[in-house]
Every structure is written in C-alpha cells, then in structure tokens.
Amino acid sequence: MGGAGVFGRMATPPGAVTGDALTLGRMLAGAVGMLVLLTAGRRLGALRRTRVTPSVVLGGVFLGLSLATYLSATVLIDLSLAVVLHYLGPVVATVLARVLLKERITGPDVVSLALAGVGMTIAAGLVGGAARPAATDGQTLGIVLGATSGVLYGAALLCYRYRSDMPADVRSFWNFAFGAVGVGAMVVVSRPDLSGMTTTHWAWAVGFFLICGLFALSLLVVAGKHLRAAELSSLSYWEIVVASAFGALVFGEPVTGLAVVGAVLVTVAAAVPLVRRPARP
C-alpha cells in the first residue's frame, strides 16, 4: 500500500491528474484477478451462494473513492502530507467502531493511536519542520482531496468489520467490483485526460494495478476480517513510514531528524495493540 504514491506519480504525465482513472484500472485488475483465482480454485459456487449486503457494497465503493482521491492528492502535494491526510481514516474507523459496533477500545489502543497521530504529523514535517510556503490553488485542492480520502478510507475500514462470515476471496472480489463501480462514476464526471501517457507511464500503471491493487488490497481485506478496527488502524500507519521513505528516495523530498523520530513513533504505535497481556492464572 505504501508504494501507491510512487506508482501513481510515475504513471502520471506532468501536469495531469489521473488518480481516478488509475484507481479504476486498479479496481478492475483486482476484480478480474480475483475472478481468475476463484475459477482456478473452483470456488465460483461460493461466489454465487454468498449473500451481498449493504456493508459489502459500501465497503467497496468507499475504498475505491478513497484511493482515487488519495492518488490525485499525491500528485498535487508532498507524498508524506498526502498519506498523513489519508490516514485520518483509521482514527475515524476506530471511533465509529466504538460507537456503532461497540468494539472495546483498550488502553493500548489509545496509546497506539496517540503515538501514531504524533508520529505521522512529525514524519510529514507538519510539526517542527521548516515553514511551508503559502499554498497554491493546486495544493489547496490536494489537501482537500487528501482529507476526503481519509474520511472515506475510515468508512471503508469500518465496513470490513461487518460480514466477517464472508470468505476473504469472495469479499475481495466484491470489494474490487463495487470499488470499480464507485470510481467509474467518478471517472464519468471528471473525464481525465490520458492522452499524455507514454509507454513508460502505462508500464508503471500496470505495475500499480497488480502490486498495489490485486495483491495489496486483497491482503487488506484478509486483515480486516481478522483484526479489530484499532489493531487494523495501528498496523495501517506503517504505510506512512513506507510512503515517506519512498518520497525521500525516489523524489528527493527532505527527511529531517524529527521525521525519523516520527517514523519510529509510528512503528512503535503499530506494535502496541498487538502485545497481549499474559493470562491470569
């Protein structure tokens, strides 16, 4: 998941905003890939027998729209800032899971979210970093898109907590399928210009569809089936460290000592909810 910003930027011609079109390809490639796997495993019967409910539909739609707005944001603002805004989502998911699903939020969960929140703002240079220049219209749009992606991502993560009875491969297929429907509607409205894409851009796009689509998002569905919202949220923050590292290595985005401290805090935060207390005798 952390490589999505890199693939998205490399697949986008200069000056273009193609996040919704690339995400549509990501969803379609995932749906086709899962259909092939279900056919090879002789599990099409499970696909037909499994009842599709609103949480399954909304989970796919929310995820598709979230990833489309996030990818567009990565082209307009720094990769580290885009991923921080995107990862407002796990906080939203944890709070909503407490309210709607009555999931218990433990002390370690609170510590994890607090550490992750502090760590990701430091890692993105929002605290203690150099003063940023005044935002341009494009940067303002990028911030709005990033924040929107975060809210939608939180809604998608919450939807994954419903229908835990559904097999992961079946859920993944519907996740991709309904994600494609949601993003497809967005593409119809935005009509992104793909005329500037070269063979190199399309090669990066195909890698994006397979690695960040079929592979990464299928694993996300499996994780959402087995982890509480707080646990999934804390582990999801690891993407911030990965995206920030890619931003520095590939695009030369600055990394300060404070950013390294932030990355360490995020890493610690990801581990906290997974530490189990020993059972009392």
Protein backbone atom coordinates (compact mmCIF):
# COMPACT_ATOMS: atom_id res chain seq x y z
CA MET A 1 0.00 0.00 0.00
CA GLY A 2 2.86 2.38 0.76
CA GLY A 3 4.10 2.18 -2.82
CA ALA A 4 0.85 3.51 -4.31
CA GLY A 5 2.04 7.11 -4.33
CA VAL A 6 5.25 6.21 -6.18
CA PHE A 7 3.47 4.11 -8.81
CA GLY A 8 0.78 6.76 -9.17
CA ARG A 9 3.25 9.59 -9.73
CA MET A 10 5.38 7.60 -12.16
CA ALA A 11 2.27 6.63 -14.14
CA THR A 12 1.01 10.21 -14.36
CA PRO A 13 2.14 12.61 -17.12
CA PRO A 14 3.41 16.03 -15.94
CA GLY A 15 0.57 18.38 -15.07
CA ALA A 16 -2.12 15.70 -15.35
CA VAL A 17 -4.46 14.50 -12.60
CA THR A 18 -5.33 10.89 -13.41
CA GLY A 19 -5.83 9.40 -9.95
CA ASP A 20 -9.42 8.37 -10.60
CA ALA A 21 -8.60 6.68 -13.94
CA LEU A 22 -5.63 4.82 -12.44
CA THR A 23 -7.71 3.71 -9.48
CA LEU A 24 -10.41 2.43 -11.83
CA GLY A 25 -7.75 0.26 -13.50
CA ARG A 26 -6.57 -0.84 -10.06
CA MET A 27 -10.09 -1.97 -9.11
CA LEU A 28 -10.80 -3.66 -12.43
CA ALA A 29 -7.48 -5.54 -12.39
CA GLY A 30 -8.23 -6.71 -8.87
CA ALA A 31 -11.74 -7.88 -9.78
CA VAL A 32 -10.51 -9.80 -12.84
CA GLY A 33 -7.60 -11.26 -10.88
CA MET A 34 -9.83 -12.47 -8.06
CA LEU A 35 -12.29 -13.93 -10.57
CA VAL A 36 -9.44 -15.90 -12.15
CA LEU A 37 -8.31 -17.16 -8.74
CA LEU A 38 -11.86 -18.14 -7.76
CA THR A 39 -12.26 -20.01 -11.06
CA ALA A 40 -8.90 -21.78 -10.69
CA GLY A 41 -9.80 -22.79 -7.15
CA ARG A 42 -13.25 -23.98 -8.25
CA ARG A 43 -14.89 -21.54 -5.86
CA LEU A 44 -17.30 -19.77 -8.20
CA GLY A 45 -20.08 -21.60 -6.37
CA ALA A 46 -19.11 -19.79 -3.16
CA LEU A 47 -19.32 -16.50 -5.05
CA ARG A 48 -22.86 -17.29 -6.20
CA ARG A 49 -24.03 -18.58 -2.82
CA THR A 50 -22.73 -15.70 -0.69
CA ARG A 51 -25.30 -13.02 0.05
CA VAL A 52 -24.19 -9.47 -0.80
CA THR A 53 -25.25 -6.93 1.85
CA PRO A 54 -25.06 -3.11 2.02
CA SER A 55 -21.83 -3.19 4.06
CA VAL A 56 -20.13 -5.17 1.28
CA VAL A 57 -21.31 -2.74 -1.39
CA LEU A 58 -20.40 0.36 0.62
CA GLY A 59 -17.03 -1.06 1.65
CA GLY A 60 -16.00 -1.37 -1.99
CA VAL A 61 -17.42 1.99 -3.06
CA PHE A 62 -15.84 3.85 -0.15
CA LEU A 63 -12.46 2.20 -0.72
CA GLY A 64 -12.47 2.96 -4.45
CA LEU A 65 -13.36 6.62 -3.95
CA SER A 66 -10.85 6.93 -1.12
CA LEU A 67 -7.97 5.57 -3.18
CA ALA A 68 -8.91 7.74 -6.17
CA THR A 69 -8.90 10.97 -4.15
CA TYR A 70 -5.70 9.94 -2.35
CA LEU A 71 -3.85 9.20 -5.58
CA SER A 72 -4.89 12.56 -7.03
CA ALA A 73 -3.67 14.26 -3.85
CA THR A 74 -0.20 12.67 -4.15
CA VAL A 75 0.32 14.46 -7.46
CA LEU A 76 -0.62 17.87 -6.03
CA ILE A 77 1.11 17.85 -2.62
CA ASP A 78 4.08 16.16 -0.91
CA LEU A 79 3.70 12.39 -0.68
CA SER A 80 4.22 12.42 3.09
CA LEU A 81 1.48 15.04 3.62
CA ALA A 82 -0.95 13.17 1.34
CA VAL A 83 -0.50 9.92 3.23
CA VAL A 84 -0.94 11.64 6.61
CA LEU A 85 -4.27 13.10 5.48
CA HIS A 86 -5.29 9.71 4.07
CA TYR A 87 -4.55 8.11 7.42
CA LEU A 88 -7.11 10.15 9.24
CA GLY A 89 -9.14 7.12 8.14
CA PRO A 90 -8.03 4.63 10.79
CA VAL A 91 -8.88 7.13 13.55
CA VAL A 92 -12.34 7.61 12.01
CA ALA A 93 -12.77 3.82 11.76
CA THR A 94 -11.77 3.22 15.39
CA VAL A 95 -14.16 5.87 16.71
CA LEU A 96 -17.05 4.65 14.55
CA ALA A 97 -16.38 1.02 15.55
CA ARG A 98 -16.69 2.06 19.19
CA VAL A 99 -19.98 3.89 18.56
CA LEU A 100 -21.65 1.56 16.06
CA LEU A 101 -20.17 -1.85 16.78
CA LYS A 102 -19.49 -1.32 20.49
CA GLU A 103 -15.91 -2.52 20.00
CA ARG A 104 -13.92 -2.06 23.16
CA ILE A 105 -11.05 0.43 22.91
CA THR A 106 -8.35 -0.64 25.34
CA GLY A 107 -5.60 1.38 26.96
CA PRO A 108 -3.01 0.08 24.46
CA ASP A 109 -5.36 1.07 21.62
CA VAL A 110 -5.49 4.66 22.89
CA VAL A 111 -1.72 4.76 23.36
CA SER A 112 -1.22 3.38 19.86
CA LEU A 113 -3.48 5.94 18.19
CA ALA A 114 -1.92 8.78 20.15
CA LEU A 115 1.63 7.70 19.25
CA ALA A 116 0.65 7.20 15.62
CA GLY A 117 -1.02 10.63 15.46
CA VAL A 118 2.02 12.39 16.87
CA GLY A 119 4.43 10.30 14.83
CA MET A 120 2.73 10.83 11.50
CA THR A 121 2.48 14.61 11.92
CA ILE A 122 6.18 14.77 12.80
CA ALA A 123 7.15 12.40 9.98
CA ALA A 124 5.28 14.59 7.48
CA GLY A 125 7.08 17.72 8.70
CA LEU A 126 3.88 19.32 9.98
CA VAL A 127 5.42 19.80 13.43
CA GLY A 128 8.89 21.21 13.97
CA GLY A 129 9.73 21.34 10.27
CA ALA A 130 10.65 24.29 8.10
CA ALA A 131 7.92 26.82 7.39
CA ARG A 132 5.91 25.87 4.33
CA PRO A 133 5.26 28.41 1.57
CA ALA A 134 1.74 29.73 1.07
CA ALA A 135 -0.48 27.10 -0.50
CA THR A 136 -1.37 27.47 -4.17
CA ASP A 137 -4.78 26.54 -5.60
CA GLY A 138 -3.41 23.15 -6.64
CA GLN A 139 -2.00 22.50 -3.18
CA THR A 140 -5.26 23.51 -1.54
CA LEU A 141 -7.13 21.09 -3.79
CA GLY A 142 -4.59 18.40 -2.90
CA ILE A 143 -5.19 18.93 0.82
CA VAL A 144 -8.96 18.77 0.35
CA LEU A 145 -8.64 15.56 -1.70
CA GLY A 146 -6.29 14.05 0.89
CA ALA A 147 -8.65 14.80 3.78
CA THR A 148 -11.61 13.44 1.81
CA SER A 149 -9.68 10.25 1.11
CA GLY A 150 -9.07 9.84 4.84
CA VAL A 151 -12.75 10.06 5.78
CA LEU A 152 -13.74 7.65 3.01
CA TYR A 153 -10.97 5.23 3.99
CA GLY A 154 -12.20 5.20 7.57
CA ALA A 155 -15.70 4.36 6.36
CA ALA A 156 -14.31 1.50 4.25
CA LEU A 157 -12.34 0.05 7.17
CA LEU A 158 -15.46 0.14 9.31
CA CYS A 159 -17.42 -1.75 6.64
CA TYR A 160 -14.81 -4.53 6.74
CA ARG A 161 -15.82 -5.27 10.33
CA TYR A 162 -19.26 -6.36 9.11
CA ARG A 163 -19.89 -9.73 7.46
CA SER A 164 -16.86 -11.47 8.95
CA ASP A 165 -18.55 -14.71 7.86
CA MET A 166 -17.83 -13.96 4.18
CA PRO A 167 -14.79 -15.81 2.75
CA ALA A 168 -11.87 -13.45 2.14
CA ASP A 169 -11.54 -14.28 -1.57
CA VAL A 170 -15.26 -13.68 -2.19
CA ARG A 171 -15.16 -10.43 -0.20
CA SER A 172 -12.10 -9.30 -2.14
CA PHE A 173 -13.86 -9.84 -5.46
CA TRP A 174 -16.90 -7.81 -4.43
CA ASN A 175 -14.66 -5.20 -2.87
CA PHE A 176 -12.89 -4.66 -6.19
CA ALA A 177 -16.12 -4.88 -8.21
CA PHE A 178 -18.04 -2.29 -6.22
CA GLY A 179 -14.91 -0.16 -5.93
CA ALA A 180 -14.77 -0.11 -9.73
CA VAL A 181 -18.43 0.96 -9.86
CA GLY A 182 -17.81 3.86 -7.47
CA VAL A 183 -14.65 5.07 -9.20
CA GLY A 184 -16.22 4.52 -12.62
CA ALA A 185 -18.91 7.05 -11.74
CA MET A 186 -16.16 9.46 -10.67
CA VAL A 187 -14.34 8.98 -13.99
CA VAL A 188 -17.52 9.70 -15.95
CA VAL A 189 -17.82 13.04 -14.16
CA SER A 190 -14.13 14.07 -14.19
CA ARG A 191 -13.22 12.70 -17.66
CA PRO A 192 -9.43 12.55 -17.01
CA ASP A 193 -7.14 13.22 -19.97
CA LEU A 194 -4.93 10.16 -20.63
CA SER A 195 -3.59 11.35 -23.98
CA GLY A 196 -0.22 12.29 -22.49
CA MET A 197 0.52 8.80 -21.16
CA THR A 198 3.52 7.16 -22.82
CA THR A 199 4.56 3.50 -22.89
CA THR A 200 6.59 4.11 -19.72
CA HIS A 201 3.59 5.63 -17.96
CA TRP A 202 1.44 2.64 -18.91
CA ALA A 203 4.12 0.21 -17.70
CA TRP A 204 4.08 1.88 -14.27
CA ALA A 205 0.29 1.84 -14.37
CA VAL A 206 0.19 -1.94 -14.95
CA GLY A 207 2.58 -2.45 -12.04
CA PHE A 208 0.30 -0.24 -9.95
CA PHE A 209 -2.77 -2.28 -10.90
CA LEU A 210 -1.16 -5.58 -9.91
CA ILE A 211 1.07 -4.75 -6.92
CA CYS A 212 -0.96 -2.01 -5.24
CA GLY A 213 -4.29 -3.37 -6.46
CA LEU A 214 -4.76 -7.13 -6.66
CA PHE A 215 -2.02 -8.01 -4.16
CA ALA A 216 -2.16 -5.20 -1.57
CA LEU A 217 -5.91 -4.67 -1.40
CA SER A 218 -6.66 -8.40 -1.19
CA LEU A 219 -4.36 -8.63 1.83
CA LEU A 220 -6.13 -5.60 3.35
CA VAL A 221 -9.46 -7.44 3.14
CA VAL A 222 -7.96 -10.51 4.84
CA ALA A 223 -6.53 -8.31 7.59
CA GLY A 224 -9.86 -6.55 8.09
CA LYS A 225 -11.57 -9.91 8.55
CA HIS A 226 -9.31 -10.99 11.43
CA LEU A 227 -8.31 -7.79 13.23
CA ARG A 228 -10.25 -5.36 15.39
CA ALA A 229 -10.59 -1.83 14.00
CA ALA A 230 -7.97 -0.48 16.43
CA GLU A 231 -5.48 -3.21 15.51
CA LEU A 232 -6.01 -2.74 11.79
CA SER A 233 -5.72 1.02 12.22
CA SER A 234 -2.41 0.84 14.07
CA LEU A 235 -0.85 -1.53 11.52
CA SER A 236 -2.13 0.62 8.66
CA TYR A 237 0.02 3.52 9.86
CA TRP A 238 3.10 1.63 8.68
CA GLU A 239 2.23 2.91 5.22
CA ILE A 240 3.18 6.42 6.39
CA VAL A 241 6.75 5.31 7.08
CA VAL A 242 6.98 3.47 3.76
CA ALA A 243 5.50 6.36 1.75
CA SER A 244 7.77 8.91 3.43
CA ALA A 245 10.82 6.74 2.70
CA PHE A 246 9.79 6.41 -0.95
CA GLY A 247 9.21 10.15 -1.15
CA ALA A 248 12.78 10.78 0.03
CA LEU A 249 14.48 8.06 -2.00
CA VAL A 250 12.62 8.47 -5.28
CA PHE A 251 11.54 12.11 -5.36
CA GLY A 252 14.13 13.74 -3.11
CA GLU A 253 11.60 15.00 -0.56
CA PRO A 254 13.51 16.20 2.53
CA VAL A 255 13.83 13.97 5.60
CA THR A 256 14.79 15.63 8.88
CA GLY A 257 15.90 14.13 12.17
CA LEU A 258 12.42 14.84 13.54
CA ALA A 259 10.90 12.91 10.64
CA VAL A 260 12.97 9.89 11.63
CA VAL A 261 11.70 10.24 15.20
CA GLY A 262 8.15 10.37 13.83
CA ALA A 263 8.73 7.20 11.82
CA VAL A 264 9.98 5.42 14.94
CA LEU A 265 6.87 6.52 16.87
CA VAL A 266 4.62 5.20 14.10
CA THR A 267 6.46 1.87 14.14
CA VAL A 268 6.06 1.56 17.90
CA ALA A 269 2.40 2.53 17.63
CA ALA A 270 1.80 -0.28 15.14
CA ALA A 271 3.12 -2.86 17.61
CA VAL A 272 1.35 -1.67 20.78
CA PRO A 273 -2.16 -3.13 20.19
CA LEU A 274 -0.68 -6.48 19.21
CA VAL A 275 1.05 -7.00 22.56
CA ARG A 276 -1.13 -9.33 24.57
CA ARG A 277 -1.19 -9.30 28.33
CA PRO A 278 -0.40 -12.68 29.88
CA ALA A 279 -3.48 -14.57 31.01
CA ARG A 280 -4.10 -14.57 34.76
CA PRO A 281 -3.81 -17.95 36.43
